[in-house]
Amino acid sequence: MTEEINFVFDFIKEKMTTSIQHLEMELSKIRAGRSNPSMLDGIMVDYYGTKTIISQVGNIATPDPRTITVQPWEKDIINDIKNAINMSNIGLSAQDNGEMIIINIPALTEERRLQLVKQVKAETESCRIAIRNSRKEGNDELKKIHKSGSISDDLLKDSENNIQDFTNQFIEKANQVSSVKEAELMKV
């Protein structure tokens, strides 16, 4: 195989790996009835006029499976953190005791579990689409290389088959990640 083909393979594998990592990150944000500090990822707090990630203005902890606490480094911003959590779109409400913010995680109902499973399936389908788009990009690059006369028809066909194998492997990986999350959500 030529160096160009190996470069295309490496590029495609990297893009597909990134798609799987993105899926895992998105699924980690979907709560399964247990507290997890990553549930607060992405929430921004107005910290002296600058939007700052919540983990940079306080210590986030999970003292038990149904509670998240945020211990701000400065007591002056406790209301800002509480408001940011309450205004975020994560479905949790925060309270404070004057020193820290306490977020109680409610138990999931069966209906909510099914909604979350649908959300998992939608995220997984987005990942599969990204993987298939990577396959298309790879095949397009191979066709450009073939058109320039660098590779033969047989090598083009073999390389396209290799990219399809990568695609199948990564889609299977996405399905496995999704299955684990669905099982976690449906477990009472």
N, C-alpha and C. Protein backbone atom coordinates (compact mmCIF):
# COMPACT_ATOMS: atom_id res chain seq x y z
N MET A 1 0.83 -1.19 0.00
CA MET A 1 0.00 0.00 0.00
C MET A 1 0.87 1.24 0.00
N THR A 2 0.33 2.26 -0.59
CA THR A 2 1.10 3.49 -0.68
C THR A 2 0.94 4.31 0.60
N GLU A 3 1.83 5.24 0.72
CA GLU A 3 1.81 6.13 1.89
C GLU A 3 0.53 6.96 1.90
N GLU A 4 0.06 7.36 0.72
CA GLU A 4 -1.17 8.15 0.63
C GLU A 4 -2.37 7.38 1.18
N ILE A 5 -2.46 6.10 0.85
CA ILE A 5 -3.58 5.28 1.32
C ILE A 5 -3.50 5.13 2.84
N ASN A 6 -2.31 4.88 3.36
CA ASN A 6 -2.15 4.76 4.81
C ASN A 6 -2.54 6.06 5.51
N PHE A 7 -2.20 7.18 4.89
CA PHE A 7 -2.59 8.47 5.46
C PHE A 7 -4.12 8.59 5.51
N VAL A 8 -4.80 8.20 4.44
CA VAL A 8 -6.26 8.25 4.40
C VAL A 8 -6.84 7.33 5.49
N PHE A 9 -6.28 6.12 5.62
CA PHE A 9 -6.76 5.19 6.66
C PHE A 9 -6.60 5.79 8.05
N ASP A 10 -5.43 6.36 8.32
CA ASP A 10 -5.19 6.96 9.64
C ASP A 10 -6.14 8.11 9.90
N PHE A 11 -6.36 8.93 8.89
CA PHE A 11 -7.26 10.07 9.02
C PHE A 11 -8.69 9.60 9.33
N ILE A 12 -9.15 8.58 8.61
CA ILE A 12 -10.51 8.07 8.79
C ILE A 12 -10.65 7.45 10.18
N LYS A 13 -9.66 6.65 10.59
CA LYS A 13 -9.72 6.04 11.93
C LYS A 13 -9.78 7.10 13.01
N GLU A 14 -9.00 8.15 12.84
CA GLU A 14 -8.98 9.23 13.83
C GLU A 14 -10.35 9.91 13.91
N LYS A 15 -10.95 10.20 12.75
CA LYS A 15 -12.26 10.84 12.73
C LYS A 15 -13.32 9.94 13.36
N MET A 16 -13.26 8.64 13.07
CA MET A 16 -14.24 7.71 13.63
C MET A 16 -14.05 7.56 15.14
N THR A 17 -12.80 7.55 15.59
CA THR A 17 -12.52 7.48 17.02
C THR A 17 -13.06 8.72 17.72
N THR A 18 -12.90 9.87 17.10
CA THR A 18 -13.42 11.11 17.66
C THR A 18 -14.94 11.05 17.76
N SER A 19 -15.60 10.44 16.78
CA SER A 19 -17.06 10.30 16.82
C SER A 19 -17.48 9.45 18.01
N ILE A 20 -16.76 8.35 18.26
CA ILE A 20 -17.07 7.48 19.40
C ILE A 20 -16.84 8.23 20.71
N GLN A 21 -15.74 8.97 20.80
CA GLN A 21 -15.46 9.72 22.01
C GLN A 21 -16.53 10.78 22.27
N HIS A 22 -17.00 11.42 21.21
CA HIS A 22 -18.07 12.40 21.35
C HIS A 22 -19.35 11.72 21.85
N LEU A 23 -19.65 10.56 21.31
CA LEU A 23 -20.83 9.82 21.75
C LEU A 23 -20.72 9.49 23.24
N GLU A 24 -19.56 9.00 23.66
CA GLU A 24 -19.37 8.65 25.07
C GLU A 24 -19.53 9.88 25.96
N MET A 25 -19.02 11.02 25.51
CA MET A 25 -19.15 12.25 26.29
C MET A 25 -20.61 12.67 26.40
N GLU A 26 -21.33 12.63 25.28
CA GLU A 26 -22.74 13.01 25.29
C GLU A 26 -23.57 12.06 26.16
N LEU A 27 -23.27 10.77 26.08
CA LEU A 27 -24.03 9.81 26.89
C LEU A 27 -23.71 9.95 28.37
N SER A 28 -22.52 10.40 28.71
CA SER A 28 -22.18 10.59 30.12
C SER A 28 -23.00 11.72 30.73
N LYS A 29 -23.50 12.62 29.90
CA LYS A 29 -24.32 13.73 30.40
C LYS A 29 -25.76 13.30 30.67
N ILE A 30 -26.15 12.16 30.10
CA ILE A 30 -27.51 11.66 30.33
C ILE A 30 -27.51 10.90 31.64
N ARG A 31 -28.26 11.42 32.60
CA ARG A 31 -28.20 10.85 33.93
C ARG A 31 -29.03 9.58 34.03
N ALA A 32 -28.54 8.67 34.84
CA ALA A 32 -29.22 7.39 35.02
C ALA A 32 -29.75 7.26 36.45
N GLY A 33 -30.13 8.38 37.06
CA GLY A 33 -30.67 8.34 38.41
C GLY A 33 -29.60 8.40 39.49
N ARG A 34 -28.34 8.40 39.08
CA ARG A 34 -27.25 8.51 40.04
C ARG A 34 -26.52 9.82 39.80
N SER A 35 -26.02 10.39 40.87
CA SER A 35 -25.30 11.66 40.72
C SER A 35 -23.93 11.42 40.10
N ASN A 36 -23.51 12.41 39.33
CA ASN A 36 -22.22 12.34 38.65
C ASN A 36 -21.76 13.78 38.43
N PRO A 37 -20.55 14.12 38.84
CA PRO A 37 -20.09 15.51 38.65
C PRO A 37 -20.16 15.98 37.19
N SER A 38 -20.05 15.06 36.24
CA SER A 38 -20.09 15.46 34.83
C SER A 38 -21.47 15.96 34.41
N MET A 39 -22.48 15.75 35.25
CA MET A 39 -23.81 16.27 34.94
C MET A 39 -23.81 17.80 34.88
N LEU A 40 -22.86 18.42 35.55
CA LEU A 40 -22.78 19.88 35.57
C LEU A 40 -21.83 20.43 34.52
N ASP A 41 -21.23 19.54 33.72
CA ASP A 41 -20.33 19.98 32.65
C ASP A 41 -21.08 20.88 31.69
N GLY A 42 -20.46 21.92 31.28
CA GLY A 42 -21.07 22.81 30.30
C GLY A 42 -21.87 23.94 30.91
N ILE A 43 -22.11 23.91 32.22
CA ILE A 43 -22.85 25.01 32.86
C ILE A 43 -21.87 26.15 33.11
N MET A 44 -22.25 27.32 32.64
CA MET A 44 -21.38 28.49 32.76
C MET A 44 -21.94 29.42 33.84
N VAL A 45 -21.02 29.97 34.65
CA VAL A 45 -21.37 30.88 35.73
C VAL A 45 -20.78 32.24 35.40
N ASP A 46 -21.55 33.30 35.69
CA ASP A 46 -21.05 34.65 35.50
C ASP A 46 -20.12 34.96 36.67
N TYR A 47 -18.82 34.93 36.41
CA TYR A 47 -17.81 35.11 37.45
C TYR A 47 -17.06 36.41 37.18
N TYR A 48 -17.43 37.46 37.90
CA TYR A 48 -16.84 38.78 37.71
C TYR A 48 -16.91 39.23 36.25
N GLY A 49 -18.09 39.04 35.65
CA GLY A 49 -18.32 39.50 34.29
C GLY A 49 -17.83 38.57 33.20
N THR A 50 -17.28 37.42 33.57
CA THR A 50 -16.78 36.48 32.58
C THR A 50 -17.52 35.15 32.74
N LYS A 51 -17.95 34.58 31.63
CA LYS A 51 -18.59 33.26 31.67
C LYS A 51 -17.51 32.22 31.95
N THR A 52 -17.69 31.48 33.05
CA THR A 52 -16.69 30.51 33.50
C THR A 52 -17.37 29.18 33.76
N ILE A 53 -16.68 28.09 33.44
CA ILE A 53 -17.21 26.75 33.68
C ILE A 53 -17.36 26.55 35.19
N ILE A 54 -18.44 25.91 35.58
CA ILE A 54 -18.76 25.75 37.00
C ILE A 54 -17.65 25.04 37.78
N SER A 55 -16.95 24.12 37.15
CA SER A 55 -15.90 23.38 37.85
C SER A 55 -14.69 24.27 38.16
N GLN A 56 -14.63 25.47 37.55
CA GLN A 56 -13.52 26.37 37.81
C GLN A 56 -13.82 27.41 38.88
N VAL A 57 -15.04 27.38 39.42
CA VAL A 57 -15.38 28.33 40.48
C VAL A 57 -15.70 27.63 41.80
N GLY A 58 -15.63 26.31 41.81
CA GLY A 58 -15.91 25.58 43.04
C GLY A 58 -15.58 24.11 42.91
N ASN A 59 -15.66 23.44 44.02
CA ASN A 59 -15.37 22.01 44.07
C ASN A 59 -16.68 21.22 43.96
N ILE A 60 -16.77 20.34 42.98
CA ILE A 60 -17.97 19.54 42.77
C ILE A 60 -17.74 18.15 43.36
N ALA A 61 -18.69 17.69 44.17
CA ALA A 61 -18.55 16.37 44.80
C ALA A 61 -19.89 15.63 44.77
N THR A 62 -19.81 14.32 44.93
CA THR A 62 -21.01 13.49 45.02
C THR A 62 -20.92 12.69 46.32
N PRO A 63 -21.45 13.26 47.41
CA PRO A 63 -21.35 12.57 48.70
C PRO A 63 -22.15 11.27 48.76
N ASP A 64 -23.21 11.17 47.97
CA ASP A 64 -23.97 9.93 47.89
C ASP A 64 -24.59 9.83 46.50
N PRO A 65 -25.19 8.67 46.16
CA PRO A 65 -25.68 8.47 44.78
C PRO A 65 -26.82 9.41 44.35
N ARG A 66 -27.44 10.11 45.26
CA ARG A 66 -28.57 10.98 44.92
C ARG A 66 -28.29 12.46 45.16
N THR A 67 -27.04 12.83 45.41
CA THR A 67 -26.73 14.21 45.74
C THR A 67 -25.44 14.67 45.06
N ILE A 68 -25.47 15.91 44.59
CA ILE A 68 -24.27 16.58 44.10
C ILE A 68 -24.12 17.85 44.94
N THR A 69 -22.91 18.13 45.38
CA THR A 69 -22.65 19.36 46.10
C THR A 69 -21.62 20.18 45.34
N VAL A 70 -21.79 21.50 45.41
CA VAL A 70 -20.82 22.42 44.83
C VAL A 70 -20.37 23.35 45.95
N GLN A 71 -19.11 23.27 46.29
CA GLN A 71 -18.51 24.13 47.32
C GLN A 71 -17.77 25.25 46.60
N PRO A 72 -18.37 26.46 46.51
CA PRO A 72 -17.70 27.55 45.80
C PRO A 72 -16.45 28.01 46.54
N TRP A 73 -15.47 28.45 45.78
CA TRP A 73 -14.24 28.93 46.40
C TRP A 73 -14.44 30.31 47.00
N GLU A 74 -15.44 31.03 46.52
CA GLU A 74 -15.78 32.34 47.08
C GLU A 74 -17.26 32.33 47.41
N LYS A 75 -17.60 32.67 48.63
CA LYS A 75 -19.00 32.63 49.07
C LYS A 75 -19.87 33.66 48.33
N ASP A 76 -19.24 34.70 47.78
CA ASP A 76 -19.99 35.76 47.10
C ASP A 76 -20.72 35.24 45.86
N ILE A 77 -20.24 34.18 45.26
CA ILE A 77 -20.83 33.73 43.99
C ILE A 77 -21.79 32.56 44.16
N ILE A 78 -22.15 32.23 45.40
CA ILE A 78 -23.03 31.08 45.63
C ILE A 78 -24.36 31.24 44.90
N ASN A 79 -24.94 32.45 44.92
CA ASN A 79 -26.21 32.67 44.23
C ASN A 79 -26.06 32.61 42.72
N ASP A 80 -24.92 33.08 42.20
CA ASP A 80 -24.68 33.00 40.76
C ASP A 80 -24.61 31.55 40.30
N ILE A 81 -23.94 30.71 41.09
CA ILE A 81 -23.83 29.29 40.74
C ILE A 81 -25.20 28.63 40.81
N LYS A 82 -25.93 28.91 41.88
CA LYS A 82 -27.27 28.32 42.03
C LYS A 82 -28.18 28.72 40.88
N ASN A 83 -28.15 29.99 40.51
CA ASN A 83 -28.99 30.46 39.40
C ASN A 83 -28.57 29.83 38.08
N ALA A 84 -27.26 29.67 37.87
CA ALA A 84 -26.78 29.06 36.62
C ALA A 84 -27.26 27.61 36.51
N ILE A 85 -27.24 26.88 37.62
CA ILE A 85 -27.71 25.48 37.61
C ILE A 85 -29.21 25.44 37.36
N ASN A 86 -29.96 26.30 38.06
CA ASN A 86 -31.41 26.30 37.91
C ASN A 86 -31.85 26.75 36.52
N MET A 87 -31.08 27.65 35.89
CA MET A 87 -31.44 28.15 34.56
C MET A 87 -30.96 27.22 33.44
N SER A 88 -30.04 26.31 33.77
CA SER A 88 -29.55 25.39 32.75
C SER A 88 -30.65 24.43 32.35
N ASN A 89 -30.43 23.72 31.29
CA ASN A 89 -31.47 22.84 30.75
C ASN A 89 -31.22 21.38 31.13
N ILE A 90 -30.79 21.14 32.38
CA ILE A 90 -30.48 19.77 32.78
C ILE A 90 -31.56 19.15 33.66
N GLY A 91 -32.57 19.91 34.01
CA GLY A 91 -33.69 19.36 34.76
C GLY A 91 -33.43 19.15 36.23
N LEU A 92 -32.49 19.87 36.80
CA LEU A 92 -32.18 19.75 38.22
C LEU A 92 -32.39 21.11 38.88
N SER A 93 -32.75 21.07 40.17
CA SER A 93 -32.87 22.33 40.89
C SER A 93 -31.88 22.33 42.05
N ALA A 94 -31.26 23.48 42.23
CA ALA A 94 -30.22 23.62 43.24
C ALA A 94 -30.74 24.45 44.41
N GLN A 95 -30.28 24.09 45.61
CA GLN A 95 -30.55 24.88 46.81
C GLN A 95 -29.22 25.15 47.48
N ASP A 96 -29.21 26.18 48.32
CA ASP A 96 -27.96 26.43 49.04
C ASP A 96 -28.25 26.51 50.54
N ASN A 97 -27.22 26.20 51.32
CA ASN A 97 -27.35 26.28 52.77
C ASN A 97 -26.47 27.41 53.31
N GLY A 98 -26.09 28.34 52.46
CA GLY A 98 -25.26 29.45 52.87
C GLY A 98 -23.78 29.20 52.64
N GLU A 99 -23.38 27.95 52.62
CA GLU A 99 -21.97 27.62 52.43
C GLU A 99 -21.71 26.83 51.16
N MET A 100 -22.69 26.01 50.77
CA MET A 100 -22.53 25.19 49.57
C MET A 100 -23.87 25.00 48.89
N ILE A 101 -23.79 24.54 47.66
CA ILE A 101 -25.00 24.28 46.87
C ILE A 101 -25.25 22.78 46.91
N ILE A 102 -26.51 22.43 47.13
CA ILE A 102 -26.89 21.02 47.20
C ILE A 102 -27.91 20.76 46.09
N ILE A 103 -27.64 19.72 45.31
CA ILE A 103 -28.56 19.34 44.23
C ILE A 103 -28.99 17.91 44.50
N ASN A 104 -30.28 17.72 44.73
CA ASN A 104 -30.82 16.38 44.94
C ASN A 104 -31.26 15.82 43.59
N ILE A 105 -30.84 14.58 43.32
CA ILE A 105 -31.18 13.93 42.06
C ILE A 105 -32.43 13.09 42.29
N PRO A 106 -33.54 13.44 41.63
CA PRO A 106 -34.76 12.64 41.82
C PRO A 106 -34.65 11.28 41.14
N ALA A 107 -35.37 10.31 41.67
CA ALA A 107 -35.41 8.99 41.05
C ALA A 107 -36.11 9.10 39.70
N LEU A 108 -35.70 8.28 38.75
CA LEU A 108 -36.29 8.33 37.42
C LEU A 108 -37.58 7.53 37.37
N THR A 109 -38.58 8.10 36.71
CA THR A 109 -39.82 7.35 36.48
C THR A 109 -39.63 6.49 35.23
N GLU A 110 -40.50 5.54 35.03
CA GLU A 110 -40.41 4.66 33.85
C GLU A 110 -40.54 5.47 32.57
N GLU A 111 -41.45 6.45 32.58
CA GLU A 111 -41.65 7.29 31.39
C GLU A 111 -40.37 8.08 31.09
N ARG A 112 -39.74 8.63 32.13
CA ARG A 112 -38.52 9.40 31.94
C ARG A 112 -37.39 8.50 31.45
N ARG A 113 -37.34 7.27 31.96
CA ARG A 113 -36.31 6.32 31.50
C ARG A 113 -36.45 6.08 30.00
N LEU A 114 -37.70 5.90 29.54
CA LEU A 114 -37.93 5.65 28.12
C LEU A 114 -37.55 6.87 27.28
N GLN A 115 -37.81 8.08 27.80
CA GLN A 115 -37.40 9.29 27.09
C GLN A 115 -35.88 9.35 26.97
N LEU A 116 -35.20 8.99 28.05
CA LEU A 116 -33.74 9.02 28.03
C LEU A 116 -33.18 7.98 27.08
N VAL A 117 -33.83 6.81 26.99
CA VAL A 117 -33.39 5.78 26.04
C VAL A 117 -33.54 6.31 24.61
N LYS A 118 -34.62 7.02 24.34
CA LYS A 118 -34.80 7.63 23.01
C LYS A 118 -33.69 8.63 22.73
N GLN A 119 -33.31 9.40 23.75
CA GLN A 119 -32.24 10.36 23.61
C GLN A 119 -30.91 9.65 23.31
N VAL A 120 -30.68 8.53 23.99
CA VAL A 120 -29.47 7.74 23.75
C VAL A 120 -29.46 7.24 22.31
N LYS A 121 -30.60 6.74 21.84
CA LYS A 121 -30.68 6.23 20.47
C LYS A 121 -30.43 7.34 19.46
N ALA A 122 -30.94 8.55 19.73
CA ALA A 122 -30.73 9.67 18.82
C ALA A 122 -29.25 10.05 18.77
N GLU A 123 -28.60 10.09 19.93
CA GLU A 123 -27.16 10.40 19.97
C GLU A 123 -26.36 9.32 19.23
N THR A 124 -26.76 8.07 19.41
CA THR A 124 -26.06 6.97 18.75
C THR A 124 -26.22 7.06 17.24
N GLU A 125 -27.41 7.41 16.80
CA GLU A 125 -27.63 7.55 15.35
C GLU A 125 -26.81 8.70 14.79
N SER A 126 -26.68 9.78 15.55
CA SER A 126 -25.82 10.90 15.11
C SER A 126 -24.37 10.43 14.97
N CYS A 127 -23.94 9.59 15.89
CA CYS A 127 -22.58 9.05 15.84
C CYS A 127 -22.42 8.17 14.60
N ARG A 128 -23.40 7.31 14.33
CA ARG A 128 -23.33 6.44 13.14
C ARG A 128 -23.25 7.28 11.87
N ILE A 129 -24.03 8.36 11.82
CA ILE A 129 -24.02 9.23 10.65
C ILE A 129 -22.64 9.85 10.48
N ALA A 130 -22.04 10.29 11.59
CA ALA A 130 -20.69 10.88 11.52
C ALA A 130 -19.68 9.85 11.02
N ILE A 131 -19.83 8.60 11.47
CA ILE A 131 -18.92 7.54 11.03
C ILE A 131 -19.09 7.28 9.53
N ARG A 132 -20.33 7.22 9.08
CA ARG A 132 -20.58 7.00 7.65
C ARG A 132 -20.08 8.18 6.81
N ASN A 133 -20.20 9.40 7.35
CA ASN A 133 -19.65 10.56 6.64
C ASN A 133 -18.14 10.47 6.53
N SER A 134 -17.49 9.95 7.57
CA SER A 134 -16.05 9.75 7.53
C SER A 134 -15.69 8.73 6.45
N ARG A 135 -16.51 7.67 6.36
CA ARG A 135 -16.28 6.66 5.32
C ARG A 135 -16.36 7.31 3.94
N LYS A 136 -17.37 8.14 3.73
CA LYS A 136 -17.55 8.80 2.44
C LYS A 136 -16.35 9.70 2.12
N GLU A 137 -15.88 10.45 3.13
CA GLU A 137 -14.71 11.29 2.92
C GLU A 137 -13.50 10.46 2.51
N GLY A 138 -13.31 9.34 3.20
CA GLY A 138 -12.19 8.46 2.89
C GLY A 138 -12.28 7.91 1.48
N ASN A 139 -13.46 7.46 1.10
CA ASN A 139 -13.64 6.92 -0.25
C ASN A 139 -13.43 8.00 -1.31
N ASP A 140 -13.88 9.23 -1.03
CA ASP A 140 -13.66 10.33 -1.96
C ASP A 140 -12.17 10.62 -2.12
N GLU A 141 -11.43 10.59 -1.00
CA GLU A 141 -9.98 10.81 -1.08
C GLU A 141 -9.30 9.71 -1.89
N LEU A 142 -9.74 8.46 -1.67
CA LEU A 142 -9.16 7.34 -2.43
C LEU A 142 -9.43 7.51 -3.93
N LYS A 143 -10.62 7.98 -4.27
CA LYS A 143 -10.94 8.17 -5.68
C LYS A 143 -10.08 9.28 -6.29
N LYS A 144 -9.78 10.32 -5.50
CA LYS A 144 -8.88 11.38 -6.00
C LYS A 144 -7.48 10.82 -6.26
N ILE A 145 -7.02 9.98 -5.33
CA ILE A 145 -5.70 9.36 -5.49
C ILE A 145 -5.70 8.46 -6.73
N HIS A 146 -6.79 7.70 -6.92
CA HIS A 146 -6.92 6.82 -8.08
C HIS A 146 -6.94 7.62 -9.37
N LYS A 147 -7.66 8.74 -9.36
CA LYS A 147 -7.76 9.57 -10.55
C LYS A 147 -6.40 10.14 -10.96
N SER A 148 -5.56 10.42 -9.95
CA SER A 148 -4.23 10.95 -10.26
C SER A 148 -3.29 9.88 -10.80
N GLY A 149 -3.74 8.63 -10.77
CA GLY A 149 -2.95 7.54 -11.34
C GLY A 149 -1.99 6.89 -10.36
N SER A 150 -2.08 7.22 -9.08
CA SER A 150 -1.15 6.69 -8.08
C SER A 150 -1.46 5.24 -7.69
N ILE A 151 -2.73 4.84 -7.82
CA ILE A 151 -3.10 3.47 -7.43
C ILE A 151 -3.94 2.82 -8.52
N SER A 152 -3.91 1.49 -8.54
CA SER A 152 -4.65 0.72 -9.55
C SER A 152 -6.11 0.56 -9.12
N ASP A 153 -6.93 0.06 -10.05
CA ASP A 153 -8.34 -0.21 -9.77
C ASP A 153 -8.48 -1.23 -8.64
N ASP A 154 -7.66 -2.29 -8.68
CA ASP A 154 -7.74 -3.33 -7.65
C ASP A 154 -7.39 -2.78 -6.27
N LEU A 155 -6.35 -1.97 -6.21
CA LEU A 155 -5.94 -1.39 -4.93
C LEU A 155 -7.01 -0.42 -4.42
N LEU A 156 -7.65 0.31 -5.32
CA LEU A 156 -8.75 1.19 -4.94
C LEU A 156 -9.87 0.38 -4.31
N LYS A 157 -10.26 -0.72 -4.97
CA LYS A 157 -11.34 -1.56 -4.47
C LYS A 157 -10.98 -2.16 -3.10
N ASP A 158 -9.75 -2.66 -2.96
CA ASP A 158 -9.30 -3.22 -1.68
C ASP A 158 -9.32 -2.16 -0.58
N SER A 159 -8.88 -0.95 -0.92
CA SER A 159 -8.84 0.13 0.06
C SER A 159 -10.25 0.55 0.49
N GLU A 160 -11.17 0.59 -0.48
CA GLU A 160 -12.55 0.90 -0.14
C GLU A 160 -13.14 -0.18 0.78
N ASN A 161 -12.80 -1.43 0.51
CA ASN A 161 -13.26 -2.52 1.38
C ASN A 161 -12.69 -2.38 2.79
N ASN A 162 -11.42 -1.97 2.89
CA ASN A 162 -10.81 -1.75 4.21
C ASN A 162 -11.53 -0.63 4.97
N ILE A 163 -11.87 0.44 4.27
CA ILE A 163 -12.59 1.54 4.92
C ILE A 163 -13.97 1.06 5.37
N GLN A 164 -14.61 0.20 4.57
CA GLN A 164 -15.90 -0.34 4.98
C GLN A 164 -15.75 -1.20 6.23
N ASP A 165 -14.66 -1.96 6.32
CA ASP A 165 -14.40 -2.76 7.53
C ASP A 165 -14.23 -1.85 8.75
N PHE A 166 -13.49 -0.75 8.59
CA PHE A 166 -13.33 0.21 9.70
C PHE A 166 -14.70 0.74 10.11
N THR A 167 -15.50 1.08 9.10
CA THR A 167 -16.83 1.63 9.37
C THR A 167 -17.66 0.65 10.18
N ASN A 168 -17.66 -0.62 9.74
CA ASN A 168 -18.43 -1.64 10.46
C ASN A 168 -17.95 -1.79 11.90
N GLN A 169 -16.63 -1.76 12.11
CA GLN A 169 -16.08 -1.90 13.46
C GLN A 169 -16.51 -0.73 14.34
N PHE A 170 -16.44 0.47 13.82
CA PHE A 170 -16.77 1.63 14.64
C PHE A 170 -18.27 1.74 14.89
N ILE A 171 -19.08 1.35 13.92
CA ILE A 171 -20.52 1.35 14.16
C ILE A 171 -20.88 0.31 15.22
N GLU A 172 -20.22 -0.84 15.20
CA GLU A 172 -20.43 -1.85 16.23
C GLU A 172 -20.03 -1.32 17.61
N LYS A 173 -18.93 -0.58 17.66
CA LYS A 173 -18.47 0.03 18.92
C LYS A 173 -19.51 1.03 19.42
N ALA A 174 -20.06 1.84 18.53
CA ALA A 174 -21.11 2.80 18.91
C ALA A 174 -22.33 2.07 19.45
N ASN A 175 -22.70 0.96 18.80
CA ASN A 175 -23.84 0.17 19.27
C ASN A 175 -23.58 -0.41 20.65
N GLN A 176 -22.35 -0.85 20.90
CA GLN A 176 -22.01 -1.40 22.22
C GLN A 176 -22.10 -0.33 23.29
N VAL A 177 -21.55 0.86 23.02
CA VAL A 177 -21.61 1.97 23.97
C VAL A 177 -23.07 2.31 24.27
N SER A 178 -23.88 2.34 23.23
CA SER A 178 -25.30 2.65 23.38
C SER A 178 -26.02 1.59 24.21
N SER A 179 -25.74 0.33 23.95
CA SER A 179 -26.39 -0.77 24.69
C SER A 179 -26.08 -0.71 26.18
N VAL A 180 -24.83 -0.40 26.50
CA VAL A 180 -24.43 -0.30 27.91
C VAL A 180 -25.21 0.83 28.58
N LYS A 181 -25.32 1.97 27.92
CA LYS A 181 -26.03 3.11 28.50
C LYS A 181 -27.52 2.81 28.63
N GLU A 182 -28.11 2.17 27.63
CA GLU A 182 -29.54 1.83 27.71
C GLU A 182 -29.79 0.88 28.88
N ALA A 183 -28.93 -0.11 29.06
CA ALA A 183 -29.09 -1.05 30.17
C ALA A 183 -28.97 -0.32 31.50
N GLU A 184 -28.03 0.63 31.56
CA GLU A 184 -27.86 1.42 32.78
C GLU A 184 -29.11 2.25 33.09
N LEU A 185 -29.71 2.83 32.05
CA LEU A 185 -30.90 3.64 32.24
C LEU A 185 -32.12 2.81 32.66
N MET A 186 -32.24 1.63 32.12
CA MET A 186 -33.43 0.81 32.40
C MET A 186 -33.32 0.04 33.72
N LYS A 187 -32.12 0.00 34.28
CA LYS A 187 -31.92 -0.71 35.55
C LYS A 187 -32.56 0.12 36.67
N VAL A 188 -33.43 -0.52 37.42
CA VAL A 188 -34.14 0.19 38.48
C VAL A 188 -33.35 0.14 39.77
